[in-house]
Amino acid sequence: MIKLLQNLFKKNYEDCDGQEFKTKLKENANAVLLDVRSASEFKSGTIKGAKNSNMLSPSFSSEITTMDPTKTYFVFCRSGARSGTAANMMSKLGLKVINLKGGISAWPR
């Protein structure tokens, strides 16, 4: 029973601090950088090369079902909360996901 509960709440994605996230992103030839904030947040400034997919949009759950499973998705938001939720949803579909712990403000300049 305990094992079942552990598997139910097991995190299937990786959380990285800003420097580790940036290093792994740079070193990964199959990386996709995904900003899961709203379109207005994205327009106000993002990490260079990021694609926008609003995690709070009703279409997000269907969008992630069409993502390439051979890619590694590096996701971020403002604080790390929405991207953590997105990373969890994506990893449950078998996608490899790395979350920027602390959000965009943790990104090293």
PDB file of N, CA and C in Angstrom:
ATOM      1  N   MET A   1       0.822  -1.202   0.000  1.00  0.00           N
ATOM      2  CA  MET A   1       0.000   0.000   0.000  1.00  0.00           C
ATOM      3  C   MET A   1       0.857   1.253   0.000  1.00  0.00           C
ATOM      4  N   ILE A   2       1.920   1.268   0.809  1.00  0.00           N
ATOM      5  CA  ILE A   2       2.802   2.433   0.869  1.00  0.00           C
ATOM      6  C   ILE A   2       3.476   2.641  -0.481  1.00  0.00           C
ATOM      7  N   LYS A   3       3.923   1.556  -1.111  1.00  0.00           N
ATOM      8  CA  LYS A   3       4.577   1.632  -2.420  1.00  0.00           C
ATOM      9  C   LYS A   3       3.619   2.215  -3.449  1.00  0.00           C
ATOM     10  N   LEU A   4       2.360   1.805  -3.406  1.00  0.00           N
ATOM     11  CA  LEU A   4       1.343   2.311  -4.316  1.00  0.00           C
ATOM     12  C   LEU A   4       1.168   3.819  -4.137  1.00  0.00           C
ATOM     13  N   LEU A   5       1.105   4.274  -2.901  1.00  0.00           N
ATOM     14  CA  LEU A   5       0.971   5.703  -2.632  1.00  0.00           C
ATOM     15  C   LEU A   5       2.203   6.486  -3.063  1.00  0.00           C
ATOM     16  N   GLN A   6       3.388   5.903  -2.847  1.00  0.00           N
ATOM     17  CA  GLN A   6       4.615   6.571  -3.282  1.00  0.00           C
ATOM     18  C   GLN A   6       4.630   6.735  -4.789  1.00  0.00           C
ATOM     19  N   ASN A   7       4.228   5.704  -5.521  1.00  0.00           N
ATOM     20  CA  ASN A   7       4.190   5.787  -6.978  1.00  0.00           C
ATOM     21  C   ASN A   7       3.140   6.776  -7.460  1.00  0.00           C
ATOM     22  N   LEU A   8       2.040   6.866  -6.737  1.00  0.00           N
ATOM     23  CA  LEU A   8       0.974   7.793  -7.099  1.00  0.00           C
ATOM     24  C   LEU A   8       1.442   9.243  -7.006  1.00  0.00           C
ATOM     25  N   PHE A   9       2.272   9.540  -6.005  1.00  0.00           N
ATOM     26  CA  PHE A   9       2.720  10.909  -5.794  1.00  0.00           C
ATOM     27  C   PHE A   9       4.160  11.141  -6.240  1.00  0.00           C
ATOM     28  N   LYS A  10       4.741  10.155  -6.912  1.00  0.00           N
ATOM     29  CA  LYS A  10       6.115  10.256  -7.382  1.00  0.00           C
ATOM     30  C   LYS A  10       6.239  11.330  -8.462  1.00  0.00           C
ATOM     31  N   LYS A  11       7.268  12.129  -8.343  1.00  0.00           N
ATOM     32  CA  LYS A  11       7.527  13.174  -9.325  1.00  0.00           C
ATOM     33  C   LYS A  11       8.345  12.563 -10.449  1.00  0.00           C
ATOM     34  N   ASN A  12       7.847  12.664 -11.678  1.00  0.00           N
ATOM     35  CA  ASN A  12       8.506  12.062 -12.829  1.00  0.00           C
ATOM     36  C   ASN A  12       9.216  13.092 -13.708  1.00  0.00           C
ATOM     37  N   TYR A  13       9.546  14.218 -13.138  1.00  0.00           N
ATOM     38  CA  TYR A  13      10.294  15.233 -13.859  1.00  0.00           C
ATOM     39  C   TYR A  13      11.380  15.743 -12.929  1.00  0.00           C
ATOM     40  N   GLU A  14      12.277  16.524 -13.488  1.00  0.00           N
ATOM     41  CA  GLU A  14      13.413  17.035 -12.717  1.00  0.00           C
ATOM     42  C   GLU A  14      13.247  18.528 -12.455  1.00  0.00           C
ATOM     43  N   ASP A  15      13.497  18.948 -11.235  1.00  0.00           N
ATOM     44  CA  ASP A  15      13.562  20.370 -10.880  1.00  0.00           C
ATOM     45  C   ASP A  15      15.022  20.784 -10.881  1.00  0.00           C
ATOM     46  N   CYS A  16      15.343  21.894 -11.531  1.00  0.00           N
ATOM     47  CA  CYS A  16      16.718  22.393 -11.551  1.00  0.00           C
ATOM     48  C   CYS A  16      16.742  23.859 -11.161  1.00  0.00           C
ATOM     49  N   ASP A  17      17.810  24.258 -10.474  1.00  0.00           N
ATOM     50  CA  ASP A  17      17.996  25.684 -10.216  1.00  0.00           C
ATOM     51  C   ASP A  17      18.400  26.349 -11.535  1.00  0.00           C
ATOM     52  N   GLY A  18      18.478  27.654 -11.531  1.00  0.00           N
ATOM     53  CA  GLY A  18      18.721  28.418 -12.751  1.00  0.00           C
ATOM     54  C   GLY A  18      19.971  28.024 -13.515  1.00  0.00           C
ATOM     55  N   GLN A  19      21.093  27.915 -12.828  1.00  0.00           N
ATOM     56  CA  GLN A  19      22.351  27.606 -13.521  1.00  0.00           C
ATOM     57  C   GLN A  19      22.339  26.202 -14.104  1.00  0.00           C
ATOM     58  N   GLU A  20      21.851  25.245 -13.341  1.00  0.00           N
ATOM     59  CA  GLU A  20      21.790  23.858 -13.818  1.00  0.00           C
ATOM     60  C   GLU A  20      20.834  23.744 -15.009  1.00  0.00           C
ATOM     61  N   PHE A  21      19.691  24.421 -14.931  1.00  0.00           N
ATOM     62  CA  PHE A  21      18.698  24.436 -16.006  1.00  0.00           C
ATOM     63  C   PHE A  21      19.329  24.989 -17.284  1.00  0.00           C
ATOM     64  N   LYS A  22      20.028  26.126 -17.160  1.00  0.00           N
ATOM     65  CA  LYS A  22      20.656  26.771 -18.318  1.00  0.00           C
ATOM     66  C   LYS A  22      21.732  25.872 -18.929  1.00  0.00           C
ATOM     67  N   THR A  23      22.531  25.240 -18.090  1.00  0.00           N
ATOM     68  CA  THR A  23      23.593  24.351 -18.566  1.00  0.00           C
ATOM     69  C   THR A  23      23.012  23.150 -19.300  1.00  0.00           C
ATOM     70  N   LYS A  24      22.024  22.511 -18.703  1.00  0.00           N
ATOM     71  CA  LYS A  24      21.405  21.340 -19.326  1.00  0.00           C
ATOM     72  C   LYS A  24      20.719  21.711 -20.638  1.00  0.00           C
ATOM     73  N   LEU A  25      20.078  22.873 -20.671  1.00  0.00           N
ATOM     74  CA  LEU A  25      19.419  23.352 -21.882  1.00  0.00           C
ATOM     75  C   LEU A  25      20.441  23.526 -23.002  1.00  0.00           C
ATOM     76  N   LYS A  26      21.546  24.161 -22.681  1.00  0.00           N
ATOM     77  CA  LYS A  26      22.594  24.431 -23.666  1.00  0.00           C
ATOM     78  C   LYS A  26      23.215  23.133 -24.190  1.00  0.00           C
ATOM     79  N   GLU A  27      23.333  22.132 -23.328  1.00  0.00           N
ATOM     80  CA  GLU A  27      23.995  20.878 -23.690  1.00  0.00           C
ATOM     81  C   GLU A  27      23.078  19.877 -24.395  1.00  0.00           C
ATOM     82  N   ASN A  28      21.779  20.129 -24.427  1.00  0.00           N
ATOM     83  CA  ASN A  28      20.825  19.164 -24.966  1.00  0.00           C
ATOM     84  C   ASN A  28      20.420  19.539 -26.392  1.00  0.00           C
ATOM     85  N   ALA A  29      20.828  18.724 -27.349  1.00  0.00           N
ATOM     86  CA  ALA A  29      20.533  18.977 -28.757  1.00  0.00           C
ATOM     87  C   ALA A  29      19.043  18.826 -29.086  1.00  0.00           C
ATOM     88  N   ASN A  30      18.302  18.101 -28.262  1.00  0.00           N
ATOM     89  CA  ASN A  30      16.868  17.879 -28.494  1.00  0.00           C
ATOM     90  C   ASN A  30      16.003  18.716 -27.563  1.00  0.00           C
ATOM     91  N   ALA A  31      16.522  19.829 -27.103  1.00  0.00           N
ATOM     92  CA  ALA A  31      15.803  20.651 -26.131  1.00  0.00           C
ATOM     93  C   ALA A  31      14.729  21.517 -26.784  1.00  0.00           C
ATOM     94  N   VAL A  32      13.615  21.648 -26.064  1.00  0.00           N
ATOM     95  CA  VAL A  32      12.563  22.601 -26.409  1.00  0.00           C
ATOM     96  C   VAL A  32      12.339  23.438 -25.156  1.00  0.00           C
ATOM     97  N   LEU A  33      12.511  24.746 -25.282  1.00  0.00           N
ATOM     98  CA  LEU A  33      12.306  25.667 -24.161  1.00  0.00           C
ATOM     99  C   LEU A  33      10.868  26.156 -24.207  1.00  0.00           C
ATOM    100  N   LEU A  34      10.126  25.905 -23.138  1.00  0.00           N
ATOM    101  CA  LEU A  34       8.692  26.172 -23.133  1.00  0.00           C
ATOM    102  C   LEU A  34       8.304  27.088 -21.970  1.00  0.00           C
ATOM    103  N   ASP A  35       7.803  28.263 -22.315  1.00  0.00           N
ATOM    104  CA  ASP A  35       7.295  29.238 -21.355  1.00  0.00           C
ATOM    105  C   ASP A  35       5.806  28.966 -21.209  1.00  0.00           C
ATOM    106  N   VAL A  36       5.367  28.532 -20.024  1.00  0.00           N
ATOM    107  CA  VAL A  36       3.972  28.143 -19.843  1.00  0.00           C
ATOM    108  C   VAL A  36       3.128  29.255 -19.210  1.00  0.00           C
ATOM    109  N   ARG A  37       3.634  30.485 -19.265  1.00  0.00           N
ATOM    110  CA  ARG A  37       2.859  31.632 -18.760  1.00  0.00           C
ATOM    111  C   ARG A  37       1.854  32.076 -19.825  1.00  0.00           C
ATOM    112  N   SER A  38       1.036  33.044 -19.487  1.00  0.00           N
ATOM    113  CA  SER A  38       0.042  33.577 -20.419  1.00  0.00           C
ATOM    114  C   SER A  38       0.734  34.316 -21.562  1.00  0.00           C
ATOM    115  N   ALA A  39      -0.003  34.547 -22.639  1.00  0.00           N
ATOM    116  CA  ALA A  39       0.539  35.256 -23.800  1.00  0.00           C
ATOM    117  C   ALA A  39       1.009  36.663 -23.416  1.00  0.00           C
ATOM    118  N   SER A  40       0.284  37.347 -22.544  1.00  0.00           N
ATOM    119  CA  SER A  40       0.693  38.702 -22.143  1.00  0.00           C
ATOM    120  C   SER A  40       1.972  38.662 -21.309  1.00  0.00           C
ATOM    121  N   GLU A  41       2.107  37.677 -20.434  1.00  0.00           N
ATOM    122  CA  GLU A  41       3.349  37.527 -19.660  1.00  0.00           C
ATOM    123  C   GLU A  41       4.515  37.222 -20.601  1.00  0.00           C
ATOM    124  N   PHE A  42       4.272  36.348 -21.567  1.00  0.00           N
ATOM    125  CA  PHE A  42       5.288  35.974 -22.543  1.00  0.00           C
ATOM    126  C   PHE A  42       5.763  37.200 -23.327  1.00  0.00           C
ATOM    127  N   LYS A  43       4.802  38.022 -23.768  1.00  0.00           N
ATOM    128  CA  LYS A  43       5.135  39.235 -24.535  1.00  0.00           C
ATOM    129  C   LYS A  43       5.905  40.248 -23.709  1.00  0.00           C
ATOM    130  N   SER A  44       5.729  40.227 -22.392  1.00  0.00           N
ATOM    131  CA  SER A  44       6.411  41.195 -21.533  1.00  0.00           C
ATOM    132  C   SER A  44       7.883  40.846 -21.324  1.00  0.00           C
ATOM    133  N   GLY A  45       8.291  39.676 -21.782  1.00  0.00           N
ATOM    134  CA  GLY A  45       9.687  39.267 -21.671  1.00  0.00           C
ATOM    135  C   GLY A  45       9.800  37.796 -21.335  1.00  0.00           C
ATOM    136  N   THR A  46      10.675  37.114 -22.059  1.00  0.00           N
ATOM    137  CA  THR A  46      10.854  35.678 -21.861  1.00  0.00           C
ATOM    138  C   THR A  46      12.325  35.335 -22.035  1.00  0.00           C
ATOM    139  N   ILE A  47      12.663  34.072 -21.977  1.00  0.00           N
ATOM    140  CA  ILE A  47      14.018  33.609 -22.224  1.00  0.00           C
ATOM    141  C   ILE A  47      14.162  33.408 -23.734  1.00  0.00           C
ATOM    142  N   LYS A  48      15.241  33.898 -24.289  1.00  0.00           N
ATOM    143  CA  LYS A  48      15.463  33.829 -25.734  1.00  0.00           C
ATOM    144  C   LYS A  48      15.316  32.386 -26.237  1.00  0.00           C
ATOM    145  N   GLY A  49      14.512  32.238 -27.297  1.00  0.00           N
ATOM    146  CA  GLY A  49      14.300  30.933 -27.907  1.00  0.00           C
ATOM    147  C   GLY A  49      13.105  30.170 -27.371  1.00  0.00           C
ATOM    148  N   ALA A  50      12.424  30.724 -26.372  1.00  0.00           N
ATOM    149  CA  ALA A  50      11.284  30.024 -25.766  1.00  0.00           C
ATOM    150  C   ALA A  50      10.054  30.074 -26.660  1.00  0.00           C
ATOM    151  N   LYS A  51       9.285  28.994 -26.611  1.00  0.00           N
ATOM    152  CA  LYS A  51       7.970  28.928 -27.241  1.00  0.00           C
ATOM    153  C   LYS A  51       6.955  29.116 -26.130  1.00  0.00           C
ATOM    154  N   ASN A  52       5.804  29.676 -26.483  1.00  0.00           N
ATOM    155  CA  ASN A  52       4.778  29.922 -25.475  1.00  0.00           C
ATOM    156  C   ASN A  52       3.632  28.932 -25.602  1.00  0.00           C
ATOM    157  N   SER A  53       3.242  28.358 -24.471  1.00  0.00           N
ATOM    158  CA  SER A  53       2.082  27.486 -24.384  1.00  0.00           C
ATOM    159  C   SER A  53       1.483  27.691 -22.994  1.00  0.00           C
ATOM    160  N   ASN A  54       0.405  28.433 -22.937  1.00  0.00           N
ATOM    161  CA  ASN A  54      -0.221  28.815 -21.676  1.00  0.00           C
ATOM    162  C   ASN A  54      -0.788  27.595 -20.938  1.00  0.00           C
ATOM    163  N   MET A  55      -0.178  27.275 -19.806  1.00  0.00           N
ATOM    164  CA  MET A  55      -0.591  26.122 -19.015  1.00  0.00           C
ATOM    165  C   MET A  55      -2.034  26.266 -18.515  1.00  0.00           C
ATOM    166  N   LEU A  56      -2.517  27.477 -18.343  1.00  0.00           N
ATOM    167  CA  LEU A  56      -3.872  27.691 -17.840  1.00  0.00           C
ATOM    168  C   LEU A  56      -4.926  27.685 -18.945  1.00  0.00           C
ATOM    169  N   SER A  57      -4.497  27.564 -20.196  1.00  0.00           N
ATOM    170  CA  SER A  57      -5.421  27.524 -21.323  1.00  0.00           C
ATOM    171  C   SER A  57      -6.144  26.172 -21.356  1.00  0.00           C
ATOM    172  N   PRO A  58      -7.434  26.182 -21.705  1.00  0.00           N
ATOM    173  CA  PRO A  58      -8.166  24.909 -21.805  1.00  0.00           C
ATOM    174  C   PRO A  58      -7.557  23.948 -22.836  1.00  0.00           C
ATOM    175  N   SER A  59      -6.822  24.486 -23.803  1.00  0.00           N
ATOM    176  CA  SER A  59      -6.246  23.634 -24.854  1.00  0.00           C
ATOM    177  C   SER A  59      -4.885  23.035 -24.468  1.00  0.00           C
ATOM    178  N   PHE A  60      -4.338  23.424 -23.313  1.00  0.00           N
ATOM    179  CA  PHE A  60      -3.001  22.953 -22.944  1.00  0.00           C
ATOM    180  C   PHE A  60      -2.924  21.435 -22.858  1.00  0.00           C
ATOM    181  N   SER A  61      -3.899  20.814 -22.231  1.00  0.00           N
ATOM    182  CA  SER A  61      -3.840  19.353 -22.062  1.00  0.00           C
ATOM    183  C   SER A  61      -3.882  18.630 -23.404  1.00  0.00           C
ATOM    184  N   SER A  62      -4.574  19.176 -24.393  1.00  0.00           N
ATOM    185  CA  SER A  62      -4.562  18.533 -25.715  1.00  0.00           C
ATOM    186  C   SER A  62      -3.273  18.882 -26.473  1.00  0.00           C
ATOM    187  N   GLU A  63      -2.731  20.080 -26.272  1.00  0.00           N
ATOM    188  CA  GLU A  63      -1.465  20.468 -26.916  1.00  0.00           C
ATOM    189  C   GLU A  63      -0.338  19.522 -26.522  1.00  0.00           C
ATOM    190  N   ILE A  64      -0.268  19.176 -25.255  1.00  0.00           N
ATOM    191  CA  ILE A  64       0.856  18.364 -24.801  1.00  0.00           C
ATOM    192  C   ILE A  64       0.782  16.925 -25.316  1.00  0.00           C
ATOM    193  N   THR A  65      -0.404  16.478 -25.722  1.00  0.00           N
ATOM    194  CA  THR A  65      -0.513  15.124 -26.275  1.00  0.00           C
ATOM    195  C   THR A  65       0.115  15.029 -27.654  1.00  0.00           C
ATOM    196  N   THR A  66       0.358  16.167 -28.306  1.00  0.00           N
ATOM    197  CA  THR A  66       0.941  16.162 -29.650  1.00  0.00           C
ATOM    198  C   THR A  66       2.444  16.473 -29.629  1.00  0.00           C
ATOM    199  N   MET A  67       3.011  16.626 -28.447  1.00  0.00           N
ATOM    200  CA  MET A  67       4.434  16.971 -28.345  1.00  0.00           C
ATOM    201  C   MET A  67       5.313  15.768 -28.683  1.00  0.00           C
ATOM    202  N   ASP A  68       6.465  16.057 -29.251  1.00  0.00           N
ATOM    203  CA  ASP A  68       7.422  15.047 -29.709  1.00  0.00           C
ATOM    204  C   ASP A  68       8.080  14.358 -28.507  1.00  0.00           C
ATOM    205  N   PRO A  69       7.870  13.054 -28.356  1.00  0.00           N
ATOM    206  CA  PRO A  69       8.443  12.342 -27.207  1.00  0.00           C
ATOM    207  C   PRO A  69       9.964  12.155 -27.286  1.00  0.00           C
ATOM    208  N   THR A  70      10.570  12.498 -28.418  1.00  0.00           N
ATOM    209  CA  THR A  70      12.032  12.387 -28.531  1.00  0.00           C
ATOM    210  C   THR A  70      12.732  13.640 -28.033  1.00  0.00           C
ATOM    211  N   LYS A  71      11.973  14.680 -27.725  1.00  0.00           N
ATOM    212  CA  LYS A  71      12.529  15.949 -27.241  1.00  0.00           C
ATOM    213  C   LYS A  71      12.578  15.963 -25.716  1.00  0.00           C
ATOM    214  N   THR A  72      13.407  16.857 -25.190  1.00  0.00           N
ATOM    215  CA  THR A  72      13.417  17.140 -23.756  1.00  0.00           C
ATOM    216  C   THR A  72      12.851  18.540 -23.585  1.00  0.00           C
ATOM    217  N   TYR A  73      11.833  18.669 -22.763  1.00  0.00           N
ATOM    218  CA  TYR A  73      11.138  19.944 -22.579  1.00  0.00           C
ATOM    219  C   TYR A  73      11.633  20.635 -21.316  1.00  0.00           C
ATOM    220  N   PHE A  74      12.127  21.846 -21.495  1.00  0.00           N
ATOM    221  CA  PHE A  74      12.598  22.687 -20.404  1.00  0.00           C
ATOM    222  C   PHE A  74      11.505  23.728 -20.175  1.00  0.00           C
ATOM    223  N   VAL A  75      10.780  23.592 -19.074  1.00  0.00           N
ATOM    224  CA  VAL A  75       9.608  24.443 -18.837  1.00  0.00           C
ATOM    225  C   VAL A  75       9.856  25.436 -17.710  1.00  0.00           C
ATOM    226  N   PHE A  76       9.228  26.608 -17.866  1.00  0.00           N
ATOM    227  CA  PHE A  76       9.328  27.635 -16.831  1.00  0.00           C
ATOM    228  C   PHE A  76       8.097  28.525 -16.855  1.00  0.00           C
ATOM    229  N   CYS A  77       7.891  29.222 -15.740  1.00  0.00           N
ATOM    230  CA  CYS A  77       6.820  30.206 -15.608  1.00  0.00           C
ATOM    231  C   CYS A  77       7.365  31.367 -14.781  1.00  0.00           C
ATOM    232  N   ARG A  78       6.514  32.063 -14.065  1.00  0.00           N
ATOM    233  CA  ARG A  78       6.967  33.196 -13.259  1.00  0.00           C
ATOM    234  C   ARG A  78       7.662  32.740 -11.985  1.00  0.00           C
ATOM    235  N   SER A  79       7.059  31.748 -11.291  1.00  0.00           N
ATOM    236  CA  SER A  79       7.599  31.356  -9.982  1.00  0.00           C
ATOM    237  C   SER A  79       8.017  29.894  -9.884  1.00  0.00           C
ATOM    238  N   GLY A  80       7.625  29.084 -10.855  1.00  0.00           N
ATOM    239  CA  GLY A  80       7.913  27.654 -10.817  1.00  0.00           C
ATOM    240  C   GLY A  80       6.706  26.801 -10.471  1.00  0.00           C
ATOM    241  N   ALA A  81       5.610  27.427 -10.057  1.00  0.00           N
ATOM    242  CA  ALA A  81       4.416  26.670  -9.671  1.00  0.00           C
ATOM    243  C   ALA A  81       3.662  26.130 -10.894  1.00  0.00           C
ATOM    244  N   ARG A  82       3.313  27.014 -11.824  1.00  0.00           N
ATOM    245  CA  ARG A  82       2.597  26.557 -13.030  1.00  0.00           C
ATOM    246  C   ARG A  82       3.456  25.596 -13.842  1.00  0.00           C
ATOM    247  N   SER A  83       4.751  25.913 -13.938  1.00  0.00           N
ATOM    248  CA  SER A  83       5.629  25.026 -14.720  1.00  0.00           C
ATOM    249  C   SER A  83       5.774  23.670 -14.032  1.00  0.00           C
ATOM    250  N   GLY A  84       5.735  23.638 -12.710  1.00  0.00           N
ATOM    251  CA  GLY A  84       5.754  22.369 -11.995  1.00  0.00           C
ATOM    252  C   GLY A  84       4.521  21.537 -12.307  1.00  0.00           C
ATOM    253  N   THR A  85       3.378  22.190 -12.351  1.00  0.00           N
ATOM    254  CA  THR A  85       2.131  21.510 -12.703  1.00  0.00           C
ATOM    255  C   THR A  85       2.185  21.019 -14.144  1.00  0.00           C
ATOM    256  N   ALA A  86       2.669  21.888 -15.042  1.00  0.00           N
ATOM    257  CA  ALA A  86       2.800  21.510 -16.455  1.00  0.00           C
ATOM    258  C   ALA A  86       3.771  20.341 -16.604  1.00  0.00           C
ATOM    259  N   ALA A  87       4.900  20.405 -15.905  1.00  0.00           N
ATOM    260  CA  ALA A  87       5.905  19.329 -15.965  1.00  0.00           C
ATOM    261  C   ALA A  87       5.306  18.014 -15.505  1.00  0.00           C
ATOM    262  N   ASN A  88       4.504  18.058 -14.464  1.00  0.00           N
ATOM    263  CA  ASN A  88       3.848  16.853 -13.956  1.00  0.00           C
ATOM    264  C   ASN A  88       2.893  16.282 -15.001  1.00  0.00           C
ATOM    265  N   MET A  89       2.077  17.130 -15.602  1.00  0.00           N
ATOM    266  CA  MET A  89       1.132  16.689 -16.626  1.00  0.00           C
ATOM    267  C   MET A  89       1.875  16.074 -17.813  1.00  0.00           C
ATOM    268  N   MET A  90       2.933  16.743 -18.241  1.00  0.00           N
ATOM    269  CA  MET A  90       3.695  16.296 -19.407  1.00  0.00           C
ATOM    270  C   MET A  90       4.418  14.980 -19.124  1.00  0.00           C
ATOM    271  N   SER A  91       5.008  14.867 -17.948  1.00  0.00           N
ATOM    272  CA  SER A  91       5.755  13.654 -17.616  1.00  0.00           C
ATOM    273  C   SER A  91       4.833  12.441 -17.506  1.00  0.00           C
ATOM    274  N   LYS A  92       3.592  12.661 -17.105  1.00  0.00           N
ATOM    275  CA  LYS A  92       2.630  11.556 -17.033  1.00  0.00           C
ATOM    276  C   LYS A  92       2.297  11.008 -18.416  1.00  0.00           C
ATOM    277  N   LEU A  93       2.584  11.807 -19.452  1.00  0.00           N
ATOM    278  CA  LEU A  93       2.379  11.354 -20.832  1.00  0.00           C
ATOM    279  C   LEU A  93       3.644  10.710 -21.389  1.00  0.00           C
ATOM    280  N   GLY A  94       4.660  10.605 -20.548  1.00  0.00           N
ATOM    281  CA  GLY A  94       5.906   9.974 -20.980  1.00  0.00           C
ATOM    282  C   GLY A  94       6.933  10.934 -21.555  1.00  0.00           C
ATOM    283  N   LEU A  95       6.678  12.238 -21.458  1.00  0.00           N
ATOM    284  CA  LEU A  95       7.624  13.224 -21.970  1.00  0.00           C
ATOM    285  C   LEU A  95       8.724  13.469 -20.946  1.00  0.00           C
ATOM    286  N   LYS A  96       9.924  13.729 -21.439  1.00  0.00           N
ATOM    287  CA  LYS A  96      11.049  14.070 -20.561  1.00  0.00           C
ATOM    288  C   LYS A  96      10.981  15.571 -20.305  1.00  0.00           C
ATOM    289  N   VAL A  97      10.895  15.958 -19.029  1.00  0.00           N
ATOM    290  CA  VAL A  97      10.662  17.350 -18.669  1.00  0.00           C
ATOM    291  C   VAL A  97      11.598  17.796 -17.552  1.00  0.00           C
ATOM    292  N   ILE A  98      12.104  19.012 -17.705  1.00  0.00           N
ATOM    293  CA  ILE A  98      12.926  19.645 -16.674  1.00  0.00           C
ATOM    294  C   ILE A  98      12.282  20.985 -16.341  1.00  0.00           C
ATOM    295  N   ASN A  99      12.038  21.219 -15.067  1.00  0.00           N
ATOM    296  CA  ASN A  99      11.367  22.427 -14.589  1.00  0.00           C
ATOM    297  C   ASN A  99      12.380  23.399 -13.990  1.00  0.00           C
ATOM    298  N   LEU A 100      12.227  24.678 -14.329  1.00  0.00           N
ATOM    299  CA  LEU A 100      13.073  25.729 -13.758  1.00  0.00           C
ATOM    300  C   LEU A 100      12.519  26.104 -12.385  1.00  0.00           C
ATOM    301  N   LYS A 101      13.167  25.584 -11.354  1.00  0.00           N
ATOM    302  CA  LYS A 101      12.754  25.853  -9.969  1.00  0.00           C
ATOM    303  C   LYS A 101      12.959  27.336  -9.660  1.00  0.00           C
ATOM    304  N   GLY A 102      11.921  27.997  -9.236  1.00  0.00           N
ATOM    305  CA  GLY A 102      12.009  29.416  -8.925  1.00  0.00           C
ATOM    306  C   GLY A 102      11.539  30.314 -10.056  1.00  0.00           C
ATOM    307  N   GLY A 103      11.240  29.725 -11.189  1.00  0.00           N
ATOM    308  CA  GLY A 103      10.694  30.486 -12.313  1.00  0.00           C
ATOM    309  C   GLY A 103      11.713  31.344 -13.038  1.00  0.00           C
ATOM    310  N   ILE A 104      11.212  32.208 -13.889  1.00  0.00           N
ATOM    311  CA  ILE A 104      12.055  33.009 -14.775  1.00  0.00           C
ATOM    312  C   ILE A 104      13.038  33.891 -14.013  1.00  0.00           C
ATOM    313  N   SER A 105      12.697  34.289 -12.803  1.00  0.00           N
ATOM    314  CA  SER A 105      13.626  35.122 -12.024  1.00  0.00           C
ATOM    315  C   SER A 105      14.872  34.334 -11.580  1.00  0.00           C
ATOM    316  N   ALA A 106      14.804  32.990 -11.638  1.00  0.00           N
ATOM    317  CA  ALA A 106      15.958  32.154 -11.290  1.00  0.00           C
ATOM    318  C   ALA A 106      16.909  31.966 -12.473  1.00  0.00           C
ATOM    319  N   TRP A 107      16.486  32.419 -13.659  1.00  0.00           N
ATOM    320  CA  TRP A 107      17.311  32.295 -14.859  1.00  0.00           C
ATOM    321  C   TRP A 107      18.531  33.206 -14.738  1.00  0.00           C
ATOM    322  N   PRO A 108      19.736  32.640 -14.850  1.00  0.00           N
ATOM    323  CA  PRO A 108      20.938  33.479 -14.726  1.00  0.00           C
ATOM    324  C   PRO A 108      21.094  34.420 -15.908  1.00  0.00           C
ATOM    325  N   ARG A 109      21.381  35.656 -15.636  1.00  0.00           N
ATOM    326  CA  ARG A 109      21.528  36.665 -16.721  1.00  0.00           C
ATOM    327  C   ARG A 109      22.904  36.644 -17.311  1.00  0.00           C
TER     328      ARG A 109
END
